[in-house]
Every structure is written in C-alpha cells, then in structure tokens.
Amino acid sequence: MKLFGRGLAQGTMSFTEKSARIECSVEKIERGYKVKGYAKGKLGRIKVFRTSAPKEFLMNNYQSWGPLQKVPADTKFEGIEEVMKKNSPYVFTPVPETFLKSLV
C-alpha cells in the first residue's frame, strides 16, 4: 500500500510534487488509516493512494434500483456501448467514458 508514491507509515510527511507543496499526517486508527493535511501551489494531478484491487467485489448500478452482483475485477460487458448509445451514455454510470474502458 502506498501513499503519495511512498510506503505507508504513521507520522508526518512533507514534500514537493511538481509545483505543489504537500504536508500531511498519517494516523493508524481502528479500521485503517486517517490521513489529513493540505496541498499548496499548482496541483495538477497527484496520485494520493494506491493499493491492489480485490479479485472479486460486489458491484451495483449507481442508481438505487440497479442489481447487485458479485463480479471479477476484470469484468467487461459485451454490447454495453450500443445500449448506452441507444438510451443515454449515463444510463449505467455518471462517468461513461471511464466505464467503457473498465469497471468504475
């Protein structure tokens, strides 16, 4: 597990990423870690957290009436692009351009 591209450890960290200054503290809590801090400057895109995904997970439609199902992480939906073109690009997700590449 990494935080800002570095190993995850309790304590404070302070660094410059491109033209932004980031200062934060990491605290181990009962169900994980609490990270708080601030960033100053021209941020752009900064990777905050990265970990491996589970092999399977529960997936549901972002709308409350969508089905809940257990799926492998590499699930692709054949023909989904045609359904989205016919109905609405937002019928399954609020970020259709990402959903067409992988699960969101």
C-alpha atoms as a PDB file:
ATOM      1  CA  MET A   1       0.000   0.000   0.000  1.00  0.00           C
ATOM      2  CA  LYS A   2       1.384   3.398  -0.951  1.00  0.00           C
ATOM      3  CA  LEU A   3       0.507   6.971  -0.072  1.00  0.00           C
ATOM      4  CA  PHE A   4       1.783   9.689  -2.436  1.00  0.00           C
ATOM      5  CA  GLY A   5       4.007   7.042  -4.055  1.00  0.00           C
ATOM      6  CA  ARG A   6       5.787   6.304  -0.780  1.00  0.00           C
ATOM      7  CA  GLY A   7       5.435   3.496   1.742  1.00  0.00           C
ATOM      8  CA  LEU A   8       2.544   3.958   4.169  1.00  0.00           C
ATOM      9  CA  ALA A   9       3.739   4.763   7.708  1.00  0.00           C
ATOM     10  CA  GLN A  10       2.395   6.719  10.665  1.00  0.00           C
ATOM     11  CA  GLY A  11       3.730  10.196  11.256  1.00  0.00           C
ATOM     12  CA  THR A  12       4.069  13.359   9.221  1.00  0.00           C
ATOM     13  CA  MET A  13       5.362  13.853   5.727  1.00  0.00           C
ATOM     14  CA  SER A  14       6.170  16.941   3.770  1.00  0.00           C
ATOM     15  CA  PHE A  15       7.355  17.104   0.172  1.00  0.00           C
ATOM     16  CA  THR A  16       7.168  18.960  -3.116  1.00  0.00           C
ATOM     17  CA  GLU A  17       5.435  17.309  -6.069  1.00  0.00           C
ATOM     18  CA  LYS A  18       5.925  19.202  -9.340  1.00  0.00           C
ATOM     19  CA  SER A  19       4.999  22.765  -8.326  1.00  0.00           C
ATOM     20  CA  ALA A  20       2.900  21.871  -5.266  1.00  0.00           C
ATOM     21  CA  ARG A  21       3.850  21.569  -1.614  1.00  0.00           C
ATOM     22  CA  ILE A  22       2.111  18.759   0.291  1.00  0.00           C
ATOM     23  CA  GLU A  23       2.105  18.345   4.058  1.00  0.00           C
ATOM     24  CA  CYS A  24       0.145  15.627   5.813  1.00  0.00           C
ATOM     25  CA  SER A  25      -0.053  13.391   8.840  1.00  0.00           C
ATOM     26  CA  VAL A  26      -0.898   9.693   8.881  1.00  0.00           C
ATOM     27  CA  GLU A  27      -2.510   8.092  11.917  1.00  0.00           C
ATOM     28  CA  LYS A  28      -3.365   4.392  12.358  1.00  0.00           C
ATOM     29  CA  ILE A  29      -6.981   4.063  13.533  1.00  0.00           C
ATOM     30  CA  GLU A  30      -9.231   1.083  14.303  1.00  0.00           C
ATOM     31  CA  ARG A  31     -10.327   0.392  10.706  1.00  0.00           C
ATOM     32  CA  GLY A  32      -7.372   1.662   8.703  1.00  0.00           C
ATOM     33  CA  TYR A  33      -5.525   4.955   8.443  1.00  0.00           C
ATOM     34  CA  LYS A  34      -6.557   8.574   8.815  1.00  0.00           C
ATOM     35  CA  VAL A  35      -4.733  10.971   6.505  1.00  0.00           C
ATOM     36  CA  LYS A  36      -5.104  14.712   6.859  1.00  0.00           C
ATOM     37  CA  GLY A  37      -3.170  17.681   5.622  1.00  0.00           C
ATOM     38  CA  TYR A  38      -3.068  20.236   2.875  1.00  0.00           C
ATOM     39  CA  ALA A  39      -1.600  20.985  -0.514  1.00  0.00           C
ATOM     40  CA  LYS A  40      -0.466  24.381  -1.692  1.00  0.00           C
ATOM     41  CA  GLY A  41       0.555  25.575  -5.126  1.00  0.00           C
ATOM     42  CA  LYS A  42      -0.268  24.433  -8.645  1.00  0.00           C
ATOM     43  CA  LEU A  43      -1.518  20.907  -8.007  1.00  0.00           C
ATOM     44  CA  GLY A  44      -2.329  19.352 -11.346  1.00  0.00           C
ATOM     45  CA  ARG A  45      -2.824  15.594 -10.957  1.00  0.00           C
ATOM     46  CA  ILE A  46      -1.328  13.979  -7.862  1.00  0.00           C
ATOM     47  CA  LYS A  47      -1.647  10.282  -7.009  1.00  0.00           C
ATOM     48  CA  VAL A  48      -2.653  10.091  -3.378  1.00  0.00           C
ATOM     49  CA  PHE A  49      -3.324   6.413  -2.702  1.00  0.00           C
ATOM     50  CA  ARG A  50      -2.641   3.144  -4.496  1.00  0.00           C
ATOM     51  CA  THR A  51      -3.296  -0.446  -3.459  1.00  0.00           C
ATOM     52  CA  SER A  52      -4.134  -3.663  -5.264  1.00  0.00           C
ATOM     53  CA  ALA A  53      -7.774  -4.339  -6.084  1.00  0.00           C
ATOM     54  CA  PRO A  54      -9.565  -7.451  -4.842  1.00  0.00           C
ATOM     55  CA  LYS A  55     -10.028 -10.274  -7.362  1.00  0.00           C
ATOM     56  CA  GLU A  56     -13.822 -10.068  -6.917  1.00  0.00           C
ATOM     57  CA  PHE A  57     -16.161  -7.474  -5.488  1.00  0.00           C
ATOM     58  CA  LEU A  58     -19.820  -6.543  -5.198  1.00  0.00           C
ATOM     59  CA  MET A  59     -20.989  -4.274  -8.000  1.00  0.00           C
ATOM     60  CA  ASN A  60     -24.247  -2.412  -8.363  1.00  0.00           C
ATOM     61  CA  ASN A  61     -25.680   0.219 -10.653  1.00  0.00           C
ATOM     62  CA  TYR A  62     -25.141   3.767  -9.379  1.00  0.00           C
ATOM     63  CA  GLN A  63     -28.910   4.175  -9.358  1.00  0.00           C
ATOM     64  CA  SER A  64     -30.673   2.677  -6.339  1.00  0.00           C
ATOM     65  CA  TRP A  65     -32.751   0.221  -8.384  1.00  0.00           C
ATOM     66  CA  GLY A  66     -29.802  -1.380 -10.168  1.00  0.00           C
ATOM     67  CA  PRO A  67     -28.870  -5.027  -9.499  1.00  0.00           C
ATOM     68  CA  LEU A  68     -26.172  -6.058  -7.002  1.00  0.00           C
ATOM     69  CA  GLN A  69     -23.887  -8.834  -8.158  1.00  0.00           C
ATOM     70  CA  LYS A  70     -20.509 -10.398  -7.386  1.00  0.00           C
ATOM     71  CA  VAL A  71     -18.117  -9.934 -10.319  1.00  0.00           C
ATOM     72  CA  PRO A  72     -14.424 -10.489 -11.086  1.00  0.00           C
ATOM     73  CA  ALA A  73     -12.373  -7.272 -11.275  1.00  0.00           C
ATOM     74  CA  ASP A  74     -11.677  -7.754 -15.000  1.00  0.00           C
ATOM     75  CA  THR A  75     -15.399  -7.911 -15.940  1.00  0.00           C
ATOM     76  CA  LYS A  76     -16.289  -6.432 -19.335  1.00  0.00           C
ATOM     77  CA  PHE A  77     -19.848  -6.019 -20.569  1.00  0.00           C
ATOM     78  CA  GLU A  78     -20.240  -7.019 -24.205  1.00  0.00           C
ATOM     79  CA  GLY A  79     -22.546  -4.718 -26.177  1.00  0.00           C
ATOM     80  CA  ILE A  80     -22.774  -2.122 -23.431  1.00  0.00           C
ATOM     81  CA  GLU A  81     -21.631   0.692 -25.742  1.00  0.00           C
ATOM     82  CA  GLU A  82     -24.596   0.071 -28.061  1.00  0.00           C
ATOM     83  CA  VAL A  83     -27.051   0.168 -25.129  1.00  0.00           C
ATOM     84  CA  MET A  84     -25.523   3.445 -23.963  1.00  0.00           C
ATOM     85  CA  LYS A  85     -25.745   4.954 -27.463  1.00  0.00           C
ATOM     86  CA  LYS A  86     -29.379   3.857 -27.863  1.00  0.00           C
ATOM     87  CA  ASN A  87     -30.583   5.099 -24.448  1.00  0.00           C
ATOM     88  CA  SER A  88     -28.188   7.506 -22.742  1.00  0.00           C
ATOM     89  CA  PRO A  89     -24.464   7.465 -22.042  1.00  0.00           C
ATOM     90  CA  TYR A  90     -25.352   7.947 -18.358  1.00  0.00           C
ATOM     91  CA  VAL A  91     -27.757   5.013 -18.013  1.00  0.00           C
ATOM     92  CA  PHE A  92     -25.200   2.892 -16.091  1.00  0.00           C
ATOM     93  CA  THR A  93     -22.702   5.388 -14.721  1.00  0.00           C
ATOM     94  CA  PRO A  94     -22.050   9.113 -14.260  1.00  0.00           C
ATOM     95  CA  VAL A  95     -18.627   8.633 -15.938  1.00  0.00           C
ATOM     96  CA  PRO A  96     -19.378   6.745 -19.176  1.00  0.00           C
ATOM     97  CA  GLU A  97     -16.002   7.365 -20.840  1.00  0.00           C
ATOM     98  CA  THR A  98     -14.260   5.551 -17.957  1.00  0.00           C
ATOM     99  CA  PHE A  99     -16.890   2.807 -17.669  1.00  0.00           C
ATOM    100  CA  LEU A 100     -16.358   1.779 -21.300  1.00  0.00           C
ATOM    101  CA  LYS A 101     -12.692   1.018 -20.521  1.00  0.00           C
ATOM    102  CA  SER A 102     -13.160  -0.747 -17.162  1.00  0.00           C
ATOM    103  CA  LEU A 103     -15.450  -1.038 -14.169  1.00  0.00           C
ATOM    104  CA  VAL A 104     -15.891   2.126 -12.123  1.00  0.00           C
END
